[in-house]
Structure formats: C-alpha cells, structure tokens
C-alpha cells in the first residue's frame, strides 16, 4: 500500500475509533455508521474527483472544475463535522465558507481576475461573522456537553502530528 493509501486508511480508522468511543457502548450497526459518515462516502469523494480531474486529466487547463470541486469538498467537510458533532445549528455558516473556498480556488488556479475577490471576501466575512455569533451562543448554552468533542479534537490533533512526521531522505 502506498503512503497516501496508508494515510487515508489511518485517518478513517482514527475517525471511526473516536466515533465508537463517543458512542459509549450503545449498539452500533452499519446503518448508524452509514448515517453518520455519508458525507465522507459520497460528497467529499466527489469534490476530490473534481480536483483530480483538474490536476491530472485536464493538466490544469479547465480551472472551472475547481468551483464545484471546492464547494463539494467544503460542504462535505461541513456536513461531516455537523454529523459527528450533531450540531447543525452552529456549523451551517460553513456552507457559505464552502462557496467562498470554491471561488477562491478558481481565482488562485485560474486567470486571477481581481474582481472575483469581491464575492470571495463578502462570503468569507459573512461566514466568519455568522460562525462567530452562532458558536459563541452555542458555547455559552452548555459547556459541559462539549468535553467529549474536546477529547476528539485532541485525538485528531495528536494523530495528525504523528502521521505528519517528515521522513529524512538518505
């Protein structure tokens, strides 16, 4: 198995293990796993597919593929976080950020039309503003319920540090 395959498999196993840990012994079947990880199964791979088409098949000639690719990738990540945290009420501004990300990729890898920065910045500011307002209200409503998510964040951060060690080329 190549390095990328190991990284993907390792990340999937860490996420699945953290999810099982958060369930604290309740019955988990394929329907529950499919119900919680549908963004990682369908939406995120479709966004990655558009990026793969742009970078590999089209040899960077069709930058328009990055708009739906970035939006799907961003929206898939937002949906996955919302499913895992069961917190759609404060994560929804991420969908606005996903559109800004898709447009930003088109700007960065495309012709760099400076007028495209106007909608990108408007969407970015709206996303950050709504995200801050809804996150602050969610955090102040019940701090005790967020301890398992802090533990999950620590697990993911530590796993990232372990997997991202630089190898020395000899």
Protein backbone atom coordinates (compact mmCIF):
# COMPACT_ATOMS: atom_id res chain seq x y z
CA UNK A 1 0.00 0.00 0.00
CA UNK A 2 1.39 3.41 -0.91
CA UNK A 3 1.88 6.31 1.51
CA UNK A 4 -1.33 8.13 0.53
CA UNK A 5 -3.40 4.97 0.93
CA UNK A 6 -1.96 4.39 4.38
CA UNK A 7 -2.70 7.96 5.39
CA UNK A 8 -6.32 7.75 4.22
CA UNK A 9 -6.85 4.39 5.89
CA UNK A 10 -5.21 5.60 9.09
CA UNK A 11 -7.35 8.72 9.23
CA UNK A 12 -10.50 6.69 8.59
CA UNK A 13 -9.62 4.26 11.37
CA UNK A 14 -8.89 7.09 13.82
CA UNK A 15 -12.21 8.77 12.99
CA UNK A 16 -14.13 5.51 13.30
CA UNK A 17 -12.42 4.72 16.62
CA UNK A 18 -13.16 8.18 18.00
CA UNK A 19 -16.78 7.85 16.89
CA UNK A 20 -17.09 4.47 18.59
CA UNK A 21 -15.51 5.91 21.73
CA UNK A 22 -18.04 8.75 21.78
CA UNK A 23 -20.96 6.31 21.49
CA UNK A 24 -20.02 4.85 24.92
CA UNK A 25 -21.25 1.31 24.44
CA UNK A 26 -24.51 1.88 22.59
CA UNK A 27 -25.40 -0.55 19.79
CA UNK A 28 -23.77 0.46 16.54
CA UNK A 29 -24.62 -1.15 13.25
CA UNK A 30 -23.96 -0.45 9.59
CA UNK A 31 -26.97 1.85 9.38
CA UNK A 32 -25.68 4.10 12.15
CA UNK A 33 -22.18 4.21 10.65
CA UNK A 34 -23.58 4.91 7.17
CA UNK A 35 -25.92 7.53 8.63
CA UNK A 36 -23.07 9.39 10.29
CA UNK A 37 -20.42 9.08 7.59
CA UNK A 38 -22.44 9.67 4.40
CA UNK A 39 -20.54 12.91 3.62
CA UNK A 40 -17.24 11.03 3.68
CA UNK A 41 -18.68 8.34 1.45
CA UNK A 42 -20.35 10.49 -1.22
CA UNK A 43 -19.85 14.26 -1.06
CA UNK A 44 -16.14 14.55 -0.17
CA UNK A 45 -15.02 11.96 -2.76
CA UNK A 46 -16.98 13.82 -5.44
CA UNK A 47 -15.16 17.04 -4.54
CA UNK A 48 -11.85 15.20 -4.65
CA UNK A 49 -12.84 13.77 -8.04
CA UNK A 50 -13.28 17.28 -9.49
CA UNK A 51 -9.86 18.26 -8.13
CA UNK A 52 -8.31 15.11 -9.56
CA UNK A 53 -9.86 15.88 -12.95
CA UNK A 54 -8.38 19.39 -12.92
CA UNK A 55 -4.90 18.49 -11.70
CA UNK A 56 -4.45 15.15 -13.50
CA UNK A 57 -6.71 14.70 -16.50
CA UNK A 58 -7.02 18.27 -17.75
CA UNK A 59 -3.40 19.26 -17.00
CA UNK A 60 -4.63 22.44 -15.28
CA UNK A 61 -6.50 23.70 -18.34
CA UNK A 62 -10.08 23.74 -17.02
CA UNK A 63 -9.97 25.82 -13.84
CA UNK A 64 -13.78 25.91 -13.76
CA UNK A 65 -13.72 22.36 -12.37
CA UNK A 66 -12.36 23.77 -9.13
CA UNK A 67 -15.53 25.72 -8.35
CA UNK A 68 -17.82 22.69 -7.88
CA UNK A 69 -14.87 20.70 -6.53
CA UNK A 70 -14.12 23.25 -3.82
CA UNK A 71 -17.78 23.73 -2.95
CA UNK A 72 -18.41 19.98 -2.68
CA UNK A 73 -15.24 19.40 -0.69
CA UNK A 74 -16.03 22.24 1.71
CA UNK A 75 -19.70 21.32 2.04
CA UNK A 76 -18.79 17.68 2.58
CA UNK A 77 -16.43 18.60 5.41
CA UNK A 78 -19.08 20.84 6.97
CA UNK A 79 -21.66 18.05 6.72
CA UNK A 80 -19.24 15.53 8.22
CA UNK A 81 -18.43 17.76 11.18
CA UNK A 82 -22.12 18.51 11.68
CA UNK A 83 -22.98 14.80 11.61
CA UNK A 84 -20.22 13.86 14.04
CA UNK A 85 -20.91 16.72 16.45
CA UNK A 86 -24.70 16.66 15.93
CA UNK A 87 -24.59 20.44 15.82
CA UNK A 88 -26.13 21.69 12.61
CA UNK A 89 -27.33 24.86 14.34
CA UNK A 90 -23.90 26.45 14.69
CA UNK A 91 -21.98 24.79 11.84
CA UNK A 92 -24.22 25.96 8.98
CA UNK A 93 -22.07 29.07 8.17
CA UNK A 94 -19.52 26.59 6.85
CA UNK A 95 -21.70 26.19 3.75
CA UNK A 96 -21.14 29.86 2.93
CA UNK A 97 -17.43 29.30 3.50
CA UNK A 98 -17.53 26.32 1.11
CA UNK A 99 -18.76 28.56 -1.71
CA UNK A 100 -16.04 31.10 -0.90
CA UNK A 101 -13.46 28.29 -0.98
CA UNK A 102 -14.61 27.07 -4.40
CA UNK A 103 -14.43 30.57 -5.83
CA UNK A 104 -11.06 31.17 -4.20
CA UNK A 105 -9.64 28.04 -5.81
CA UNK A 106 -10.92 29.24 -9.18
CA UNK A 107 -9.25 32.60 -8.55
CA UNK A 108 -5.95 31.09 -7.37
CA UNK A 109 -5.52 28.47 -10.10
CA UNK A 110 -7.39 30.34 -12.84
CA UNK A 111 -6.76 33.67 -14.51
CA UNK A 112 -6.60 35.60 -11.21
CA UNK A 113 -9.33 38.05 -12.08
CA UNK A 114 -9.16 40.56 -9.23
CA UNK A 115 -12.90 41.25 -9.39
CA UNK A 116 -13.51 37.71 -8.19
CA UNK A 117 -12.03 38.71 -4.83
CA UNK A 118 -15.08 40.85 -4.05
CA UNK A 119 -17.62 37.99 -3.74
CA UNK A 120 -14.95 35.78 -2.14
CA UNK A 121 -14.31 38.32 0.61
CA UNK A 122 -18.01 39.07 1.13
CA UNK A 123 -18.78 35.37 1.55
CA UNK A 124 -15.76 34.89 3.81
CA UNK A 125 -16.73 37.76 6.10
CA UNK A 126 -20.36 36.61 6.27
CA UNK A 127 -19.29 33.08 7.09
CA UNK A 128 -16.91 34.19 9.83
CA UNK A 129 -19.44 36.64 11.27
CA UNK A 130 -22.30 34.13 11.40
CA UNK A 131 -19.94 31.42 12.60
CA UNK A 132 -18.69 33.57 15.47
CA UNK A 133 -22.17 34.63 16.55
CA UNK A 134 -23.66 31.13 16.48
CA UNK A 135 -20.59 29.48 18.02
CA UNK A 136 -20.47 31.89 20.94
CA UNK A 137 -24.16 31.34 21.65
CA UNK A 138 -23.73 27.56 21.41
CA UNK A 139 -20.71 27.58 23.72
CA UNK A 140 -22.42 29.64 26.39
CA UNK A 141 -25.57 27.49 26.40
CA UNK A 142 -23.95 24.37 27.85
CA UNK A 143 -20.22 23.98 28.29
CA UNK A 144 -20.35 20.52 29.89
CA UNK A 145 -21.65 18.85 26.75
CA UNK A 146 -18.53 19.80 24.75
CA UNK A 147 -15.94 17.82 26.75
CA UNK A 148 -16.16 14.70 24.51
CA UNK A 149 -15.62 16.89 21.45
CA UNK A 150 -12.56 18.46 23.03
CA UNK A 151 -11.24 14.95 23.61
CA UNK A 152 -11.92 14.09 19.94
CA UNK A 153 -10.10 17.24 18.82
CA UNK A 154 -7.10 16.26 20.93
CA UNK A 155 -7.12 12.74 19.48
CA UNK A 156 -7.27 14.08 15.92
CA UNK A 157 -4.59 16.69 16.57
CA UNK A 158 -2.25 14.13 18.09
CA UNK A 159 -2.89 11.71 15.23
CA UNK A 160 -2.12 14.42 12.72
CA UNK A 161 1.16 15.19 14.44
CA UNK A 162 2.07 11.51 14.50
CA UNK A 163 1.24 10.95 10.84
CA UNK A 164 2.85 14.11 9.52
CA UNK A 165 6.42 13.41 10.61
CA UNK A 166 8.92 14.29 7.95
CA UNK A 167 10.99 11.41 6.67
CA UNK A 168 14.66 12.01 6.09
CA UNK A 169 15.72 11.26 2.53
CA UNK A 170 19.01 9.35 2.51
